[in-house]
C-alpha atoms as a PDB file:
ATOM      1  CA  MET A   1      70.042  99.132  73.354  1.00  0.00           C
ATOM      2  CA  LEU A   2      71.409 101.854  75.669  1.00  0.00           C
ATOM      3  CA  ASP A   3      68.934 104.305  74.108  1.00  0.00           C
ATOM      4  CA  SER A   4      66.036 102.343  75.574  1.00  0.00           C
ATOM      5  CA  LEU A   5      67.385 102.443  79.140  1.00  0.00           C
ATOM      6  CA  SER A   6      66.302 105.146  81.561  1.00  0.00           C
ATOM      7  CA  PRO A   7      68.931 107.587  82.891  1.00  0.00           C
ATOM      8  CA  ALA A   8      68.578 106.058  86.371  1.00  0.00           C
ATOM      9  CA  THR A   9      69.351 102.609  84.987  1.00  0.00           C
ATOM     10  CA  LEU A  10      72.439 103.943  83.232  1.00  0.00           C
ATOM     11  CA  TRP A  11      73.638 105.512  86.486  1.00  0.00           C
ATOM     12  CA  TRP A  12      73.065 102.224  88.348  1.00  0.00           C
ATOM     13  CA  LEU A  13      74.977 100.331  85.657  1.00  0.00           C
ATOM     14  CA  LEU A  14      77.854 102.797  85.965  1.00  0.00           C
ATOM     15  CA  ALA A  15      77.853 102.376  89.754  1.00  0.00           C
ATOM     16  CA  GLY A  16      77.891  98.591  89.330  1.00  0.00           C
ATOM     17  CA  LEU A  17      80.752  98.750  86.826  1.00  0.00           C
ATOM     18  CA  LEU A  18      82.783 100.906  89.205  1.00  0.00           C
ATOM     19  CA  VAL A  19      82.190  98.439  92.055  1.00  0.00           C
ATOM     20  CA  LEU A  20      83.104  95.562  89.747  1.00  0.00           C
ATOM     21  CA  ALA A  21      86.305  97.325  88.692  1.00  0.00           C
ATOM     22  CA  GLU A  22      87.214  97.797  92.358  1.00  0.00           C
ATOM     23  CA  LEU A  23      86.539  94.150  93.153  1.00  0.00           C
ATOM     24  CA  LEU A  24      88.550  92.903  90.184  1.00  0.00           C
ATOM     25  CA  THR A  25      91.549  95.151  90.740  1.00  0.00           C
ATOM     26  CA  GLY A  26      91.508  95.696  94.493  1.00  0.00           C
ATOM     27  CA  ALA A  27      93.916  98.495  93.701  1.00  0.00           C
ATOM     28  CA  THR A  28      92.098 101.405  95.246  1.00  0.00           C
ATOM     29  CA  PHE A  29      89.148 102.240  97.436  1.00  0.00           C
ATOM     30  CA  TYR A  30      88.595 105.410  95.414  1.00  0.00           C
ATOM     31  CA  LEU A  31      86.570 103.540  92.777  1.00  0.00           C
ATOM     32  CA  LEU A  32      83.977 102.779  95.456  1.00  0.00           C
ATOM     33  CA  MET A  33      83.777 106.466  96.276  1.00  0.00           C
ATOM     34  CA  LEU A  34      83.110 107.213  92.608  1.00  0.00           C
ATOM     35  CA  ALA A  35      80.448 104.478  92.652  1.00  0.00           C
ATOM     36  CA  LEU A  36      78.769 106.439  95.461  1.00  0.00           C
ATOM     37  CA  GLY A  37      78.703 109.428  93.150  1.00  0.00           C
ATOM     38  CA  ALA A  38      77.112 107.335  90.388  1.00  0.00           C
ATOM     39  CA  ALA A  39      74.521 106.060  92.854  1.00  0.00           C
ATOM     40  CA  ALA A  40      73.767 109.670  93.808  1.00  0.00           C
ATOM     41  CA  GLY A  41      73.308 110.410  90.102  1.00  0.00           C
ATOM     42  CA  ALA A  42      70.866 107.507  89.888  1.00  0.00           C
ATOM     43  CA  LEU A  43      68.899 108.831  92.852  1.00  0.00           C
ATOM     44  CA  ALA A  44      68.813 112.266  91.230  1.00  0.00           C
ATOM     45  CA  ALA A  45      67.422 110.635  88.082  1.00  0.00           C
ATOM     46  CA  HIS A  46      64.770 108.838  90.165  1.00  0.00           C
ATOM     47  CA  LEU A  47      63.786 112.227  91.593  1.00  0.00           C
ATOM     48  CA  GLY A  48      63.239 113.485  88.054  1.00  0.00           C
ATOM     49  CA  LEU A  49      66.119 115.967  87.954  1.00  0.00           C
ATOM     50  CA  ALA A  50      67.474 116.993  84.556  1.00  0.00           C
ATOM     51  CA  GLY A  51      70.607 115.394  83.098  1.00  0.00           C
ATOM     52  CA  THR A  52      72.796 118.329  84.079  1.00  0.00           C
ATOM     53  CA  ALA A  53      71.575 118.165  87.669  1.00  0.00           C
ATOM     54  CA  GLN A  54      72.188 114.397  87.715  1.00  0.00           C
ATOM     55  CA  MET A  55      75.772 114.872  86.550  1.00  0.00           C
ATOM     56  CA  LEU A  56      76.343 117.705  88.994  1.00  0.00           C
ATOM     57  CA  THR A  57      74.976 115.567  91.855  1.00  0.00           C
ATOM     58  CA  ALA A  58      77.151 112.608  90.856  1.00  0.00           C
ATOM     59  CA  ALA A  59      80.230 114.820  90.530  1.00  0.00           C
ATOM     60  CA  LEU A  60      79.689 116.593  93.852  1.00  0.00           C
ATOM     61  CA  ILE A  61      78.954 113.438  95.851  1.00  0.00           C
ATOM     62  CA  GLY A  62      81.668 111.355  94.157  1.00  0.00           C
ATOM     63  CA  GLY A  63      84.212 114.162  94.383  1.00  0.00           C
ATOM     64  CA  ALA A  64      83.391 114.860  98.021  1.00  0.00           C
ATOM     65  CA  ALA A  65      83.635 111.147  98.867  1.00  0.00           C
ATOM     66  CA  VAL A  66      87.040 110.891  97.166  1.00  0.00           C
ATOM     67  CA  ALA A  67      88.285 114.039  98.901  1.00  0.00           C
ATOM     68  CA  LEU A  68      87.011 112.855 102.286  1.00  0.00           C
ATOM     69  CA  TRP A  69      88.579 109.419 101.855  1.00  0.00           C
ATOM     70  CA  HIS A  70      91.890 110.969 100.780  1.00  0.00           C
ATOM     71  CA  TRP A  71      91.855 113.309 103.783  1.00  0.00           C
ATOM     72  CA  ARG A  72      91.020 110.415 106.132  1.00  0.00           C
ATOM     73  CA  ARG A  73      93.921 108.328 104.786  1.00  0.00           C
ATOM     74  CA  ALA A  74      96.302 111.270 105.121  1.00  0.00           C
ATOM     75  CA  GLN A  75      95.376 111.633 108.824  1.00  0.00           C
ATOM     76  CA  ARG A  76      96.450 108.086 109.669  1.00  0.00           C
ATOM     77  CA  PRO A  77     100.026 107.466 110.763  1.00  0.00           C
ATOM     78  CA  ALA A  78     102.251 105.727 108.230  1.00  0.00           C
ATOM     79  CA  PRO A  79     102.098 101.945 108.599  1.00  0.00           C
ATOM     80  CA  THR A  80     104.987 100.197 110.307  1.00  0.00           C
ATOM     81  CA  PRO A  81     107.271  98.491 107.770  1.00  0.00           C
ATOM     82  CA  VAL A  82     106.575  94.764 107.582  1.00  0.00           C
ATOM     83  CA  ALA A  83     110.097  93.889 108.756  1.00  0.00           C
ATOM     84  CA  ALA A  84     109.515  95.771 112.036  1.00  0.00           C
ATOM     85  CA  ASN A  85     105.772  95.156 112.512  1.00  0.00           C
ATOM     86  CA  PRO A  86     105.055  92.846 115.479  1.00  0.00           C
ATOM     87  CA  ASP A  87     101.559  92.175 114.088  1.00  0.00           C
ATOM     88  CA  VAL A  88     103.141  90.590 110.999  1.00  0.00           C
ATOM     89  CA  ASN A  89     106.426  89.278 112.385  1.00  0.00           C
ATOM     90  CA  LEU A  90     106.094  87.663 115.807  1.00  0.00           C
ATOM     91  CA  ASP A  91     109.871  87.793 116.359  1.00  0.00           C
ATOM     92  CA  VAL A  92     109.793  91.588 116.706  1.00  0.00           C
ATOM     93  CA  GLY A  93     109.833  92.485 120.388  1.00  0.00           C
ATOM     94  CA  GLN A  94     111.446  89.212 121.526  1.00  0.00           C
ATOM     95  CA  THR A  95     114.740  89.313 123.389  1.00  0.00           C
ATOM     96  CA  VAL A  96     118.080  87.591 122.775  1.00  0.00           C
ATOM     97  CA  HIS A  97     121.427  87.619 124.571  1.00  0.00           C
ATOM     98  CA  VAL A  98     124.485  88.917 122.705  1.00  0.00           C
ATOM     99  CA  THR A  99     127.800  87.683 124.103  1.00  0.00           C
ATOM    100  CA  HIS A 100     129.938  89.955 121.907  1.00  0.00           C
ATOM    101  CA  TRP A 101     129.739  92.129 118.795  1.00  0.00           C
ATOM    102  CA  GLN A 102     132.065  91.948 115.806  1.00  0.00           C
ATOM    103  CA  ALA A 103     133.797  95.147 114.640  1.00  0.00           C
ATOM    104  CA  ASP A 104     131.343  95.427 111.718  1.00  0.00           C
ATOM    105  CA  GLY A 105     128.326  95.527 114.096  1.00  0.00           C
ATOM    106  CA  SER A 106     127.290  91.917 113.537  1.00  0.00           C
ATOM    107  CA  ALA A 107     126.923  89.024 115.959  1.00  0.00           C
ATOM    108  CA  VAL A 108     125.728  85.443 116.106  1.00  0.00           C
ATOM    109  CA  VAL A 109     122.958  84.835 118.648  1.00  0.00           C
ATOM    110  CA  GLN A 110     120.985  81.816 119.756  1.00  0.00           C
ATOM    111  CA  TYR A 111     117.282  82.261 119.070  1.00  0.00           C
ATOM    112  CA  ARG A 112     114.525  79.654 118.808  1.00  0.00           C
ATOM    113  CA  GLY A 113     117.049  76.837 119.107  1.00  0.00           C
ATOM    114  CA  SER A 114     119.411  77.874 116.331  1.00  0.00           C
ATOM    115  CA  ALA A 115     122.174  80.327 115.538  1.00  0.00           C
ATOM    116  CA  TRP A 116     121.050  83.555 113.844  1.00  0.00           C
ATOM    117  CA  GLN A 117     123.034  86.323 112.252  1.00  0.00           C
ATOM    118  CA  ALA A 118     122.281  89.619 113.959  1.00  0.00           C
ATOM    119  CA  GLN A 119     123.158  93.184 113.243  1.00  0.00           C
ATOM    120  CA  LEU A 120     123.064  96.186 115.504  1.00  0.00           C
ATOM    121  CA  GLN A 121     120.420  98.805 114.891  1.00  0.00           C
ATOM    122  CA  SER A 122     121.893 101.978 113.459  1.00  0.00           C
ATOM    123  CA  GLY A 123     123.028 104.315 116.223  1.00  0.00           C
ATOM    124  CA  ALA A 124     122.758 101.743 119.020  1.00  0.00           C
ATOM    125  CA  PRO A 125     125.776 101.106 121.267  1.00  0.00           C
ATOM    126  CA  ALA A 126     127.619  97.813 120.629  1.00  0.00           C
ATOM    127  CA  GLN A 127     127.576  96.269 124.079  1.00  0.00           C
ATOM    128  CA  ALA A 128     127.032  92.704 125.218  1.00  0.00           C
ATOM    129  CA  GLY A 129     123.850  91.771 127.033  1.00  0.00           C
ATOM    130  CA  VAL A 130     120.134  91.452 126.432  1.00  0.00           C
ATOM    131  CA  HIS A 131     118.865  92.965 123.192  1.00  0.00           C
ATOM    132  CA  THR A 132     115.403  93.313 121.670  1.00  0.00           C
ATOM    133  CA  ILE A 133     114.630  92.264 118.107  1.00  0.00           C
ATOM    134  CA  VAL A 134     113.401  95.423 116.374  1.00  0.00           C
ATOM    135  CA  ALA A 135     113.193  94.029 112.823  1.00  0.00           C
ATOM    136  CA  VAL A 136     113.909  90.975 110.735  1.00  0.00           C
ATOM    137  CA  GLN A 137     115.628  91.690 107.428  1.00  0.00           C
ATOM    138  CA  SER A 138     115.982  88.632 105.237  1.00  0.00           C
ATOM    139  CA  ASN A 139     117.594  86.097 107.612  1.00  0.00           C
ATOM    140  CA  HIS A 140     119.210  88.690 109.910  1.00  0.00           C
ATOM    141  CA  LEU A 141     117.847  89.905 113.213  1.00  0.00           C
ATOM    142  CA  VAL A 142     118.168  93.654 113.782  1.00  0.00           C
ATOM    143  CA  LEU A 143     118.813  94.265 117.472  1.00  0.00           C
ATOM    144  CA  ALA A 144     118.693  97.195 119.869  1.00  0.00           C
ATOM    145  CA  PRO A 145     119.722  97.190 123.538  1.00  0.00           C
ATOM    146  CA  HIS A 146     116.850  95.988 125.716  1.00  0.00           C
ATOM    147  CA  THR A 147     115.243  98.662 127.860  1.00  0.00           C
ATOM    148  CA  HIS A 148     113.178  97.689 130.872  1.00  0.00           C
END
């Protein structure tokens, strides 16, 4: 059956399979970049280029797309950990009042109408007063002194 298909059709099928694999796994965007390479191979076949030229076109376009995507991802700053990301956890950035700290760097604070366990951010001074929630780890608030 595959013998009766044109080279362009085979390239389009490969591109479709790569897109399908990406959609089913969702694991990586790189499969879509390789699908671009397969689509370039299909276009080369439509232009009547030989099989070697089709493969070279697919490899160059797919490889360049992967390299460009990898470079673009490397240029972005590392994402904020979920525990400290205010876009994910709306408690981050809110303030609480600490009356006193325990010797182990923990405290109990009132927040959203209930008592919460809190711990001092590493390196922060243990002083009473207003503190900012910098992360939520499990059911503990991680606090740092509030700066105005």
